[in-house]
Amino acid sequence: MTRPRAELVSVNDTPYYHCIGRCVRRAFLCGKDTLTGQGFSHRKAWVMERLKVLQSVFTIELCAYAVMSNHYHLVVHVDAKAAAALDDDAVMARWELLFALPLLVSRYRTNKTGHPPNK
């Protein structure tokens, strides 16, 4: 059963977290699929580049990682002070680096500044 993030993450108790992501249905993240002979080693570089981008956008530091054939492990440090220092505009700007802002958020920014957000 899933649990709310507030029950899973307590930066006051520890700012360090071990995160795991895995592939399903015999999918390969990187390495060589012994069944088909297909190679996926190039994906490790993709994963590393994406982690660099995410680390620069969010207030986390990557402390350790391991990328394996069908899963990865990350040890991250959550910088709570840096996160608390961000105002709403900074959070929206960071979010927009990765995703399109929801329509209501875009309208909010437009009304607040009098002009559309930078693209």
PDB file of N, CA and C in Angstrom:
ATOM      1  N   MET A   1       0.844  -1.176   0.000  1.00  0.00           N
ATOM      2  CA  MET A   1       0.000   0.000   0.000  1.00  0.00           C
ATOM      3  C   MET A   1       0.894   1.245   0.000  1.00  0.00           C
ATOM      4  N   THR A   2       0.544   2.207  -0.824  1.00  0.00           N
ATOM      5  CA  THR A   2       1.348   3.423  -0.892  1.00  0.00           C
ATOM      6  C   THR A   2       1.127   4.285   0.341  1.00  0.00           C
ATOM      7  N   ARG A   3       2.140   5.086   0.640  1.00  0.00           N
ATOM      8  CA  ARG A   3       2.071   5.962   1.804  1.00  0.00           C
ATOM      9  C   ARG A   3       2.389   7.381   1.364  1.00  0.00           C
ATOM     10  N   PRO A   4       1.820   8.370   2.033  1.00  0.00           N
ATOM     11  CA  PRO A   4       2.126   9.758   1.688  1.00  0.00           C
ATOM     12  C   PRO A   4       3.610  10.062   1.908  1.00  0.00           C
ATOM     13  N   ARG A   5       4.163  10.921   1.068  1.00  0.00           N
ATOM     14  CA  ARG A   5       5.572  11.279   1.172  1.00  0.00           C
ATOM     15  C   ARG A   5       5.909  11.826   2.553  1.00  0.00           C
ATOM     16  N   ALA A   6       4.975  12.543   3.166  1.00  0.00           N
ATOM     17  CA  ALA A   6       5.213  13.105   4.503  1.00  0.00           C
ATOM     18  C   ALA A   6       5.474  12.007   5.540  1.00  0.00           C
ATOM     19  N   GLU A   7       4.972  10.809   5.302  1.00  0.00           N
ATOM     20  CA  GLU A   7       5.223   9.692   6.209  1.00  0.00           C
ATOM     21  C   GLU A   7       6.535   8.971   5.879  1.00  0.00           C
ATOM     22  N   LEU A   8       7.037   9.147   4.666  1.00  0.00           N
ATOM     23  CA  LEU A   8       8.241   8.448   4.240  1.00  0.00           C
ATOM     24  C   LEU A   8       9.501   9.288   4.401  1.00  0.00           C
ATOM     25  N   VAL A   9       9.376  10.600   4.209  1.00  0.00           N
ATOM     26  CA  VAL A   9      10.528  11.491   4.222  1.00  0.00           C
ATOM     27  C   VAL A   9      10.422  12.436   5.409  1.00  0.00           C
ATOM     28  N   SER A  10      11.434  12.422   6.238  1.00  0.00           N
ATOM     29  CA  SER A  10      11.531  13.358   7.357  1.00  0.00           C
ATOM     30  C   SER A  10      12.942  13.932   7.343  1.00  0.00           C
ATOM     31  N   VAL A  11      13.090  15.093   6.724  1.00  0.00           N
ATOM     32  CA  VAL A  11      14.407  15.711   6.601  1.00  0.00           C
ATOM     33  C   VAL A  11      14.972  16.071   7.975  1.00  0.00           C
ATOM     34  N   ASN A  12      14.092  16.260   8.963  1.00  0.00           N
ATOM     35  CA  ASN A  12      14.567  16.532  10.319  1.00  0.00           C
ATOM     36  C   ASN A  12      15.281  15.328  10.919  1.00  0.00           C
ATOM     37  N   ASP A  13      14.815  14.119  10.573  1.00  0.00           N
ATOM     38  CA  ASP A  13      15.453  12.895  11.078  1.00  0.00           C
ATOM     39  C   ASP A  13      16.743  12.584  10.329  1.00  0.00           C
ATOM     40  N   THR A  14      16.698  12.672   9.002  1.00  0.00           N
ATOM     41  CA  THR A  14      17.898  12.467   8.188  1.00  0.00           C
ATOM     42  C   THR A  14      17.695  13.121   6.821  1.00  0.00           C
ATOM     43  N   PRO A  15      18.711  13.814   6.325  1.00  0.00           N
ATOM     44  CA  PRO A  15      18.605  14.393   4.989  1.00  0.00           C
ATOM     45  C   PRO A  15      19.091  13.437   3.898  1.00  0.00           C
ATOM     46  N   TYR A  16      19.503  12.226   4.262  1.00  0.00           N
ATOM     47  CA  TYR A  16      20.036  11.253   3.299  1.00  0.00           C
ATOM     48  C   TYR A  16      19.019  10.141   3.041  1.00  0.00           C
ATOM     49  N   TYR A  17      18.861   9.814   1.753  1.00  0.00           N
ATOM     50  CA  TYR A  17      17.889   8.779   1.383  1.00  0.00           C
ATOM     51  C   TYR A  17      18.462   7.864   0.316  1.00  0.00           C
ATOM     52  N   HIS A  18      18.142   6.586   0.452  1.00  0.00           N
ATOM     53  CA  HIS A  18      18.524   5.567  -0.513  1.00  0.00           C
ATOM     54  C   HIS A  18      17.304   5.315  -1.387  1.00  0.00           C
ATOM     55  N   CYS A  19      17.429   5.619  -2.670  1.00  0.00           N
ATOM     56  CA  CYS A  19      16.314   5.464  -3.621  1.00  0.00           C
ATOM     57  C   CYS A  19      16.659   4.366  -4.613  1.00  0.00           C
ATOM     58  N   ILE A  20      15.655   3.588  -4.960  1.00  0.00           N
ATOM     59  CA  ILE A  20      15.839   2.478  -5.893  1.00  0.00           C
ATOM     60  C   ILE A  20      14.785   2.581  -6.984  1.00  0.00           C
ATOM     61  N   GLY A  21      15.198   2.369  -8.207  1.00  0.00           N
ATOM     62  CA  GLY A  21      14.262   2.297  -9.341  1.00  0.00           C
ATOM     63  C   GLY A  21      14.588   1.055 -10.133  1.00  0.00           C
ATOM     64  N   ARG A  22      13.565   0.352 -10.590  1.00  0.00           N
ATOM     65  CA  ARG A  22      13.852  -0.869 -11.337  1.00  0.00           C
ATOM     66  C   ARG A  22      12.959  -0.981 -12.560  1.00  0.00           C
ATOM     67  N   CYS A  23      13.434  -1.765 -13.516  1.00  0.00           N
ATOM     68  CA  CYS A  23      12.676  -2.048 -14.726  1.00  0.00           C
ATOM     69  C   CYS A  23      11.778  -3.252 -14.475  1.00  0.00           C
ATOM     70  N   VAL A  24      10.743  -3.367 -15.256  1.00  0.00           N
ATOM     71  CA  VAL A  24       9.817  -4.489 -15.126  1.00  0.00           C
ATOM     72  C   VAL A  24       9.718  -5.227 -16.458  1.00  0.00           C
ATOM     73  N   ARG A  25       9.129  -6.393 -16.409  1.00  0.00           N
ATOM     74  CA  ARG A  25       8.854  -7.210 -17.598  1.00  0.00           C
ATOM     75  C   ARG A  25      10.105  -7.513 -18.415  1.00  0.00           C
ATOM     76  N   ARG A  26      11.166  -7.892 -17.722  1.00  0.00           N
ATOM     77  CA  ARG A  26      12.424  -8.284 -18.359  1.00  0.00           C
ATOM     78  C   ARG A  26      13.047  -7.170 -19.194  1.00  0.00           C
ATOM     79  N   ALA A  27      12.687  -5.939 -18.928  1.00  0.00           N
ATOM     80  CA  ALA A  27      13.280  -4.816 -19.644  1.00  0.00           C
ATOM     81  C   ALA A  27      14.684  -4.565 -19.100  1.00  0.00           C
ATOM     82  N   PHE A  28      15.558  -4.046 -19.942  1.00  0.00           N
ATOM     83  CA  PHE A  28      16.928  -3.773 -19.540  1.00  0.00           C
ATOM     84  C   PHE A  28      17.173  -2.274 -19.509  1.00  0.00           C
ATOM     85  N   LEU A  29      17.778  -1.828 -18.435  1.00  0.00           N
ATOM     86  CA  LEU A  29      18.168  -0.427 -18.308  1.00  0.00           C
ATOM     87  C   LEU A  29      19.498  -0.208 -19.028  1.00  0.00           C
ATOM     88  N   CYS A  30      20.452  -1.058 -18.768  1.00  0.00           N
ATOM     89  CA  CYS A  30      21.732  -1.017 -19.472  1.00  0.00           C
ATOM     90  C   CYS A  30      22.355  -2.407 -19.412  1.00  0.00           C
ATOM     91  N   GLY A  31      23.445  -2.588 -20.131  1.00  0.00           N
ATOM     92  CA  GLY A  31      24.055  -3.912 -20.201  1.00  0.00           C
ATOM     93  C   GLY A  31      23.588  -4.672 -21.431  1.00  0.00           C
ATOM     94  N   LYS A  32      23.823  -5.961 -21.431  1.00  0.00           N
ATOM     95  CA  LYS A  32      23.464  -6.782 -22.584  1.00  0.00           C
ATOM     96  C   LYS A  32      22.378  -7.772 -22.199  1.00  0.00           C
ATOM     97  N   ASP A  33      21.338  -7.813 -23.009  1.00  0.00           N
ATOM     98  CA  ASP A  33      20.254  -8.768 -22.827  1.00  0.00           C
ATOM     99  C   ASP A  33      20.737 -10.105 -23.376  1.00  0.00           C
ATOM    100  N   THR A  34      20.951 -11.072 -22.500  1.00  0.00           N
ATOM    101  CA  THR A  34      21.492 -12.367 -22.919  1.00  0.00           C
ATOM    102  C   THR A  34      20.496 -13.157 -23.762  1.00  0.00           C
ATOM    103  N   LEU A  35      19.226 -12.878 -23.619  1.00  0.00           N
ATOM    104  CA  LEU A  35      18.208 -13.599 -24.383  1.00  0.00           C
ATOM    105  C   LEU A  35      18.185 -13.153 -25.848  1.00  0.00           C
ATOM    106  N   THR A  36      18.235 -11.842 -26.082  1.00  0.00           N
ATOM    107  CA  THR A  36      18.151 -11.312 -27.444  1.00  0.00           C
ATOM    108  C   THR A  36      19.499 -10.894 -28.009  1.00  0.00           C
ATOM    109  N   GLY A  37      20.503 -10.736 -27.133  1.00  0.00           N
ATOM    110  CA  GLY A  37      21.806 -10.279 -27.591  1.00  0.00           C
ATOM    111  C   GLY A  37      21.881  -8.780 -27.804  1.00  0.00           C
ATOM    112  N   GLN A  38      20.804  -8.090 -27.524  1.00  0.00           N
ATOM    113  CA  GLN A  38      20.751  -6.645 -27.725  1.00  0.00           C
ATOM    114  C   GLN A  38      21.513  -5.926 -26.606  1.00  0.00           C
ATOM    115  N   GLY A  39      22.287  -4.905 -26.970  1.00  0.00           N
ATOM    116  CA  GLY A  39      23.077  -4.168 -25.989  1.00  0.00           C
ATOM    117  C   GLY A  39      22.429  -2.840 -25.624  1.00  0.00           C
ATOM    118  N   PHE A  40      22.476  -2.512 -24.344  1.00  0.00           N
ATOM    119  CA  PHE A  40      21.883  -1.271 -23.856  1.00  0.00           C
ATOM    120  C   PHE A  40      22.877  -0.450 -23.032  1.00  0.00           C
ATOM    121  N   SER A  41      24.149  -0.698 -23.214  1.00  0.00           N
ATOM    122  CA  SER A  41      25.171  -0.029 -22.407  1.00  0.00           C
ATOM    123  C   SER A  41      25.158   1.482 -22.582  1.00  0.00           C
ATOM    124  N   HIS A  42      24.735   1.969 -23.737  1.00  0.00           N
ATOM    125  CA  HIS A  42      24.702   3.410 -24.001  1.00  0.00           C
ATOM    126  C   HIS A  42      23.730   4.144 -23.069  1.00  0.00           C
ATOM    127  N   ARG A  43      22.791   3.439 -22.498  1.00  0.00           N
ATOM    128  CA  ARG A  43      21.794   4.084 -21.637  1.00  0.00           C
ATOM    129  C   ARG A  43      22.382   4.565 -20.316  1.00  0.00           C
ATOM    130  N   LYS A  44      23.483   3.974 -19.876  1.00  0.00           N
ATOM    131  CA  LYS A  44      24.076   4.400 -18.613  1.00  0.00           C
ATOM    132  C   LYS A  44      24.472   5.874 -18.699  1.00  0.00           C
ATOM    133  N   ALA A  45      25.020   6.290 -19.825  1.00  0.00           N
ATOM    134  CA  ALA A  45      25.380   7.703 -20.022  1.00  0.00           C
ATOM    135  C   ALA A  45      24.129   8.575 -19.990  1.00  0.00           C
ATOM    136  N   TRP A  46      23.034   8.090 -20.564  1.00  0.00           N
ATOM    137  CA  TRP A  46      21.771   8.850 -20.527  1.00  0.00           C
ATOM    138  C   TRP A  46      21.323   9.056 -19.087  1.00  0.00           C
ATOM    139  N   VAL A  47      21.379   7.983 -18.302  1.00  0.00           N
ATOM    140  CA  VAL A  47      20.951   8.049 -16.901  1.00  0.00           C
ATOM    141  C   VAL A  47      21.820   9.049 -16.150  1.00  0.00           C
ATOM    142  N   MET A  48      23.115   8.994 -16.350  1.00  0.00           N
ATOM    143  CA  MET A  48      24.021   9.900 -15.651  1.00  0.00           C
ATOM    144  C   MET A  48      23.766  11.359 -16.041  1.00  0.00           C
ATOM    145  N   GLU A  49      23.532  11.618 -17.316  1.00  0.00           N
ATOM    146  CA  GLU A  49      23.237  12.989 -17.750  1.00  0.00           C
ATOM    147  C   GLU A  49      21.936  13.491 -17.120  1.00  0.00           C
ATOM    148  N   ARG A  50      20.948  12.636 -17.071  1.00  0.00           N
ATOM    149  CA  ARG A  50      19.663  13.036 -16.481  1.00  0.00           C
ATOM    150  C   ARG A  50      19.814  13.314 -14.987  1.00  0.00           C
ATOM    151  N   LEU A  51      20.603  12.513 -14.300  1.00  0.00           N
ATOM    152  CA  LEU A  51      20.832  12.747 -12.877  1.00  0.00           C
ATOM    153  C   LEU A  51      21.515  14.091 -12.643  1.00  0.00           C
ATOM    154  N   LYS A  52      22.453  14.469 -13.510  1.00  0.00           N
ATOM    155  CA  LYS A  52      23.107  15.772 -13.402  1.00  0.00           C
ATOM    156  C   LYS A  52      22.095  16.899 -13.556  1.00  0.00           C
ATOM    157  N   VAL A  53      21.203  16.756 -14.521  1.00  0.00           N
ATOM    158  CA  VAL A  53      20.176  17.785 -14.746  1.00  0.00           C
ATOM    159  C   VAL A  53      19.257  17.879 -13.536  1.00  0.00           C
ATOM    160  N   LEU A  54      18.787  16.752 -13.055  1.00  0.00           N
ATOM    161  CA  LEU A  54      17.869  16.759 -11.910  1.00  0.00           C
ATOM    162  C   LEU A  54      18.530  17.339 -10.662  1.00  0.00           C
ATOM    163  N   GLN A  55      19.812  17.032 -10.473  1.00  0.00           N
ATOM    164  CA  GLN A  55      20.539  17.566  -9.326  1.00  0.00           C
ATOM    165  C   GLN A  55      20.667  19.087  -9.416  1.00  0.00           C
ATOM    166  N   SER A  56      20.800  19.618 -10.635  1.00  0.00           N
ATOM    167  CA  SER A  56      20.927  21.065 -10.792  1.00  0.00           C
ATOM    168  C   SER A  56      19.588  21.787 -10.636  1.00  0.00           C
ATOM    169  N   VAL A  57      18.492  21.098 -10.908  1.00  0.00           N
ATOM    170  CA  VAL A  57      17.170  21.722 -10.824  1.00  0.00           C
ATOM    171  C   VAL A  57      16.594  21.642  -9.415  1.00  0.00           C
ATOM    172  N   PHE A  58      16.706  20.484  -8.794  1.00  0.00           N
ATOM    173  CA  PHE A  58      16.137  20.292  -7.465  1.00  0.00           C
ATOM    174  C   PHE A  58      17.209  20.499  -6.399  1.00  0.00           C
ATOM    175  N   THR A  59      16.805  20.692  -5.190  1.00  0.00           N
ATOM    176  CA  THR A  59      17.753  20.944  -4.104  1.00  0.00           C
ATOM    177  C   THR A  59      18.195  19.620  -3.479  1.00  0.00           C
ATOM    178  N   ILE A  60      18.801  18.800  -4.333  1.00  0.00           N
ATOM    179  CA  ILE A  60      19.349  17.522  -3.882  1.00  0.00           C
ATOM    180  C   ILE A  60      20.790  17.417  -4.364  1.00  0.00           C
ATOM    181  N   GLU A  61      21.560  16.635  -3.655  1.00  0.00           N
ATOM    182  CA  GLU A  61      22.924  16.307  -4.068  1.00  0.00           C
ATOM    183  C   GLU A  61      23.004  14.789  -4.210  1.00  0.00           C
ATOM    184  N   LEU A  62      23.607  14.350  -5.268  1.00  0.00           N
ATOM    185  CA  LEU A  62      23.809  12.914  -5.469  1.00  0.00           C
ATOM    186  C   LEU A  62      25.084  12.508  -4.758  1.00  0.00           C
ATOM    187  N   CYS A  63      24.961  11.672  -3.751  1.00  0.00           N
ATOM    188  CA  CYS A  63      26.118  11.243  -2.943  1.00  0.00           C
ATOM    189  C   CYS A  63      26.745   9.976  -3.500  1.00  0.00           C
ATOM    190  N   ALA A  64      25.923   9.050  -3.964  1.00  0.00           N
ATOM    191  CA  ALA A  64      26.424   7.776  -4.491  1.00  0.00           C
ATOM    192  C   ALA A  64      25.381   7.215  -5.446  1.00  0.00           C
ATOM    193  N   TYR A  65      25.840   6.397  -6.373  1.00  0.00           N
ATOM    194  CA  TYR A  65      24.912   5.769  -7.315  1.00  0.00           C
ATOM    195  C   TYR A  65      25.484   4.452  -7.804  1.00  0.00           C
ATOM    196  N   ALA A  66      24.592   3.600  -8.283  1.00  0.00           N
ATOM    197  CA  ALA A  66      24.971   2.364  -8.962  1.00  0.00           C
ATOM    198  C   ALA A  66      23.902   2.105 -10.007  1.00  0.00           C
ATOM    199  N   VAL A  67      24.314   2.021 -11.267  1.00  0.00           N
ATOM    200  CA  VAL A  67      23.384   1.745 -12.359  1.00  0.00           C
ATOM    201  C   VAL A  67      23.685   0.341 -12.857  1.00  0.00           C
ATOM    202  N   MET A  68      22.705  -0.546 -12.727  1.00  0.00           N
ATOM    203  CA  MET A  68      22.890  -1.940 -13.119  1.00  0.00           C
ATOM    204  C   MET A  68      21.971  -2.292 -14.283  1.00  0.00           C
ATOM    205  N   SER A  69      21.977  -3.529 -14.690  1.00  0.00           N
ATOM    206  CA  SER A  69      21.270  -3.914 -15.911  1.00  0.00           C
ATOM    207  C   SER A  69      19.769  -3.663 -15.853  1.00  0.00           C
ATOM    208  N   ASN A  70      19.135  -3.867 -14.702  1.00  0.00           N
ATOM    209  CA  ASN A  70      17.683  -3.693 -14.655  1.00  0.00           C
ATOM    210  C   ASN A  70      17.216  -2.805 -13.497  1.00  0.00           C
ATOM    211  N   HIS A  71      18.165  -2.159 -12.802  1.00  0.00           N
ATOM    212  CA  HIS A  71      17.763  -1.254 -11.724  1.00  0.00           C
ATOM    213  C   HIS A  71      18.917  -0.317 -11.374  1.00  0.00           C
ATOM    214  N   TYR A  72      18.598   0.677 -10.551  1.00  0.00           N
ATOM    215  CA  TYR A  72      19.634   1.597 -10.087  1.00  0.00           C
ATOM    216  C   TYR A  72      19.410   1.911  -8.614  1.00  0.00           C
ATOM    217  N   HIS A  73      20.472   2.340  -7.966  1.00  0.00           N
ATOM    218  CA  HIS A  73      20.431   2.787  -6.578  1.00  0.00           C
ATOM    219  C   HIS A  73      21.007   4.195  -6.534  1.00  0.00           C
ATOM    220  N   LEU A  74      20.379   5.063  -5.757  1.00  0.00           N
ATOM    221  CA  LEU A  74      20.882   6.414  -5.543  1.00  0.00           C
ATOM    222  C   LEU A  74      20.912   6.691  -4.051  1.00  0.00           C
ATOM    223  N   VAL A  75      21.922   7.380  -3.595  1.00  0.00           N
ATOM    224  CA  VAL A  75      21.936   7.932  -2.250  1.00  0.00           C
ATOM    225  C   VAL A  75      21.944   9.441  -2.454  1.00  0.00           C
ATOM    226  N   VAL A  76      20.888  10.094  -1.993  1.00  0.00           N
ATOM    227  CA  VAL A  76      20.749  11.537  -2.196  1.00  0.00           C
ATOM    228  C   VAL A  76      20.715  12.259  -0.862  1.00  0.00           C
ATOM    229  N   HIS A  77      21.159  13.495  -0.904  1.00  0.00           N
ATOM    230  CA  HIS A  77      21.106  14.381   0.253  1.00  0.00           C
ATOM    231  C   HIS A  77      20.134  15.499  -0.091  1.00  0.00           C
ATOM    232  N   VAL A  78      19.117  15.670   0.724  1.00  0.00           N
ATOM    233  CA  VAL A  78      18.124  16.724   0.518  1.00  0.00           C
ATOM    234  C   VAL A  78      18.608  17.973   1.248  1.00  0.00           C
ATOM    235  N   ASP A  79      18.795  19.064   0.510  1.00  0.00           N
ATOM    236  CA  ASP A  79      19.248  20.323   1.095  1.00  0.00           C
ATOM    237  C   ASP A  79      18.021  21.139   1.507  1.00  0.00           C
ATOM    238  N   ALA A  80      17.558  20.909   2.714  1.00  0.00           N
ATOM    239  CA  ALA A  80      16.325  21.533   3.196  1.00  0.00           C
ATOM    240  C   ALA A  80      16.450  23.053   3.298  1.00  0.00           C
ATOM    241  N   LYS A  81      17.630  23.545   3.673  1.00  0.00           N
ATOM    242  CA  LYS A  81      17.824  24.998   3.785  1.00  0.00           C
ATOM    243  C   LYS A  81      17.706  25.674   2.425  1.00  0.00           C
ATOM    244  N   ALA A  82      18.315  25.065   1.410  1.00  0.00           N
ATOM    245  CA  ALA A  82      18.222  25.623   0.056  1.00  0.00           C
ATOM    246  C   ALA A  82      16.786  25.576  -0.451  1.00  0.00           C
ATOM    247  N   ALA A  83      16.080  24.497  -0.160  1.00  0.00           N
ATOM    248  CA  ALA A  83      14.683  24.380  -0.586  1.00  0.00           C
ATOM    249  C   ALA A  83      13.812  25.426   0.090  1.00  0.00           C
ATOM    250  N   ALA A  84      14.033  25.653   1.380  1.00  0.00           N
ATOM    251  CA  ALA A  84      13.240  26.634   2.124  1.00  0.00           C
ATOM    252  C   ALA A  84      13.513  28.056   1.639  1.00  0.00           C
ATOM    253  N   ALA A  85      14.686  28.287   1.090  1.00  0.00           N
ATOM    254  CA  ALA A  85      15.051  29.624   0.619  1.00  0.00           C
ATOM    255  C   ALA A  85      14.425  29.976  -0.724  1.00  0.00           C
ATOM    256  N   LEU A  86      13.884  28.990  -1.433  1.00  0.00           N
ATOM    257  CA  LEU A  86      13.273  29.246  -2.743  1.00  0.00           C
ATOM    258  C   LEU A  86      11.902  29.880  -2.577  1.00  0.00           C
ATOM    259  N   ASP A  87      11.656  30.956  -3.325  1.00  0.00           N
ATOM    260  CA  ASP A  87      10.316  31.535  -3.319  1.00  0.00           C
ATOM    261  C   ASP A  87       9.490  30.866  -4.422  1.00  0.00           C
ATOM    262  N   ASP A  88       8.224  31.238  -4.520  1.00  0.00           N
ATOM    263  CA  ASP A  88       7.326  30.606  -5.494  1.00  0.00           C
ATOM    264  C   ASP A  88       7.834  30.759  -6.923  1.00  0.00           C
ATOM    265  N   ASP A  89       8.348  31.950  -7.261  1.00  0.00           N
ATOM    266  CA  ASP A  89       8.842  32.180  -8.617  1.00  0.00           C
ATOM    267  C   ASP A  89      10.024  31.274  -8.946  1.00  0.00           C
ATOM    268  N   ALA A  90      10.916  31.074  -7.984  1.00  0.00           N
ATOM    269  CA  ALA A  90      12.074  30.203  -8.205  1.00  0.00           C
ATOM    270  C   ALA A  90      11.637  28.753  -8.395  1.00  0.00           C
ATOM    271  N   VAL A  91      10.657  28.329  -7.616  1.00  0.00           N
ATOM    272  CA  VAL A  91      10.152  26.955  -7.755  1.00  0.00           C
ATOM    273  C   VAL A  91       9.517  26.765  -9.130  1.00  0.00           C
ATOM    274  N   MET A  92       8.705  27.742  -9.555  1.00  0.00           N
ATOM    275  CA  MET A  92       8.071  27.639 -10.873  1.00  0.00           C
ATOM    276  C   MET A  92       9.113  27.641 -11.983  1.00  0.00           C
ATOM    277  N   ALA A  93      10.119  28.482 -11.875  1.00  0.00           N
ATOM    278  CA  ALA A  93      11.171  28.547 -12.896  1.00  0.00           C
ATOM    279  C   ALA A  93      11.931  27.231 -12.978  1.00  0.00           C
ATOM    280  N   ARG A  94      12.238  26.640 -11.830  1.00  0.00           N
ATOM    281  CA  ARG A  94      12.944  25.361 -11.824  1.00  0.00           C
ATOM    282  C   ARG A  94      12.082  24.260 -12.433  1.00  0.00           C
ATOM    283  N   TRP A  95      10.791  24.238 -12.076  1.00  0.00           N
ATOM    284  CA  TRP A  95       9.883  23.228 -12.607  1.00  0.00           C
ATOM    285  C   TRP A  95       9.801  23.347 -14.126  1.00  0.00           C
ATOM    286  N   GLU A  96       9.768  24.598 -14.595  1.00  0.00           N
ATOM    287  CA  GLU A  96       9.626  24.838 -16.032  1.00  0.00           C
ATOM    288  C   GLU A  96      10.867  24.402 -16.815  1.00  0.00           C
ATOM    289  N   LEU A  97      11.993  24.230 -16.160  1.00  0.00           N
ATOM    290  CA  LEU A  97      13.177  23.712 -16.839  1.00  0.00           C
ATOM    291  C   LEU A  97      12.988  22.264 -17.286  1.00  0.00           C
ATOM    292  N   LEU A  98      12.102  21.547 -16.599  1.00  0.00           N
ATOM    293  CA  LEU A  98      11.889  20.127 -16.902  1.00  0.00           C
ATOM    294  C   LEU A  98      10.554  19.841 -17.571  1.00  0.00           C
ATOM    295  N   PHE A  99       9.535  20.594 -17.191  1.00  0.00           N
ATOM    296  CA  PHE A  99       8.181  20.296 -17.644  1.00  0.00           C
ATOM    297  C   PHE A  99       7.468  21.578 -18.076  1.00  0.00           C
ATOM    298  N   ALA A 100       6.413  21.412 -18.839  1.00  0.00           N
ATOM    299  CA  ALA A 100       5.545  22.549 -19.158  1.00  0.00           C
ATOM    300  C   ALA A 100       4.737  22.882 -17.910  1.00  0.00           C
ATOM    301  N   LEU A 101       4.614  24.164 -17.646  1.00  0.00           N
ATOM    302  CA  LEU A 101       3.817  24.562 -16.488  1.00  0.00           C
ATOM    303  C   LEU A 101       2.346  24.281 -16.747  1.00  0.00           C
ATOM    304  N   PRO A 102       1.606  23.874 -15.739  1.00  0.00           N
ATOM    305  CA  PRO A 102       0.163  23.727 -15.910  1.00  0.00           C
ATOM    306  C   PRO A 102      -0.454  25.073 -16.297  1.00  0.00           C
ATOM    307  N   LEU A 103      -1.554  25.028 -16.997  1.00  0.00           N
ATOM    308  CA  LEU A 103      -2.212  26.234 -17.516  1.00  0.00           C
ATOM    309  C   LEU A 103      -2.476  27.254 -16.415  1.00  0.00           C
ATOM    310  N   LEU A 104      -2.998  26.817 -15.284  1.00  0.00           N
ATOM    311  CA  LEU A 104      -3.313  27.764 -14.205  1.00  0.00           C
ATOM    312  C   LEU A 104      -2.056  28.425 -13.642  1.00  0.00           C
ATOM    313  N   VAL A 105      -0.970  27.690 -13.578  1.00  0.00           N
ATOM    314  CA  VAL A 105       0.288  28.257 -13.076  1.00  0.00           C
ATOM    315  C   VAL A 105       0.817  29.284 -14.081  1.00  0.00           C
ATOM    316  N   SER A 106       0.736  28.970 -15.362  1.00  0.00           N
ATOM    317  CA  SER A 106       1.159  29.925 -16.391  1.00  0.00           C
ATOM    318  C   SER A 106       0.339  31.203 -16.317  1.00  0.00           C
ATOM    319  N   ARG A 107      -0.967  31.062 -16.137  1.00  0.00           N
ATOM    320  CA  ARG A 107      -1.836  32.249 -16.007  1.00  0.00           C
ATOM    321  C   ARG A 107      -1.477  33.054 -14.768  1.00  0.00           C
ATOM    322  N   TYR A 108      -1.181  32.362 -13.683  1.00  0.00           N
ATOM    323  CA  TYR A 108      -0.787  33.040 -12.453  1.00  0.00           C
ATOM    324  C   TYR A 108       0.475  33.871 -12.682  1.00  0.00           C
ATOM    325  N   ARG A 109       1.467  33.275 -13.320  1.00  0.00           N
ATOM    326  CA  ARG A 109       2.716  33.999 -13.588  1.00  0.00           C
ATOM    327  C   ARG A 109       2.491  35.170 -14.517  1.00  0.00           C
ATOM    328  N   THR A 110       1.649  35.012 -15.539  1.00  0.00           N
ATOM    329  CA  THR A 110       1.350  36.087 -16.479  1.00  0.00           C
ATOM    330  C   THR A 110       0.669  37.245 -15.754  1.00  0.00           C
ATOM    331  N   ASN A 111      -0.316  36.954 -14.932  1.00  0.00           N
ATOM    332  CA  ASN A 111      -1.040  37.999 -14.202  1.00  0.00           C
ATOM    333  C   ASN A 111      -0.150  38.688 -13.181  1.00  0.00           C
ATOM    334  N   LYS A 112       0.748  37.942 -12.598  1.00  0.00           N
ATOM    335  CA  LYS A 112       1.622  38.497 -11.566  1.00  0.00           C
ATOM    336  C   LYS A 112       2.633  39.483 -12.149  1.00  0.00           C
ATOM    337  N   THR A 113       3.201  39.149 -13.313  1.00  0.00           N
ATOM    338  CA  THR A 113       4.234  39.985 -13.910  1.00  0.00           C
ATOM    339  C   THR A 113       3.711  40.904 -14.995  1.00  0.00           C
ATOM    340  N   GLY A 114       2.533  40.604 -15.524  1.00  0.00           N
ATOM    341  CA  GLY A 114       1.986  41.424 -16.610  1.00  0.00           C
ATOM    342  C   GLY A 114       2.429  40.968 -17.995  1.00  0.00           C
ATOM    343  N   HIS A 115       3.314  39.979 -18.062  1.00  0.00           N
ATOM    344  CA  HIS A 115       3.734  39.445 -19.364  1.00  0.00           C
ATOM    345  C   HIS A 115       3.983  37.946 -19.247  1.00  0.00           C
ATOM    346  N   PRO A 116       3.940  37.245 -20.369  1.00  0.00           N
ATOM    347  CA  PRO A 116       4.103  35.787 -20.329  1.00  0.00           C
ATOM    348  C   PRO A 116       5.480  35.386 -19.815  1.00  0.00           C
ATOM    349  N   PRO A 117       5.602  34.185 -19.219  1.00  0.00           N
ATOM    350  CA  PRO A 117       6.897  33.707 -18.737  1.00  0.00           C
ATOM    351  C   PRO A 117       7.871  33.514 -19.877  1.00  0.00           C
ATOM    352  N   ASN A 118       9.159  33.613 -19.598  1.00  0.00           N
ATOM    353  CA  ASN A 118      10.197  33.404 -20.605  1.00  0.00           C
ATOM    354  C   ASN A 118      10.208  31.960 -21.071  1.00  0.00           C
ATOM    355  N   LYS A 119      10.470  31.762 -22.335  1.00  0.00           N
ATOM    356  CA  LYS A 119      10.564  30.405 -22.896  1.00  0.00           C
ATOM    357  C   LYS A 119      11.950  30.155 -23.387  1.00  0.00           C
TER     358      LYS A 119
END
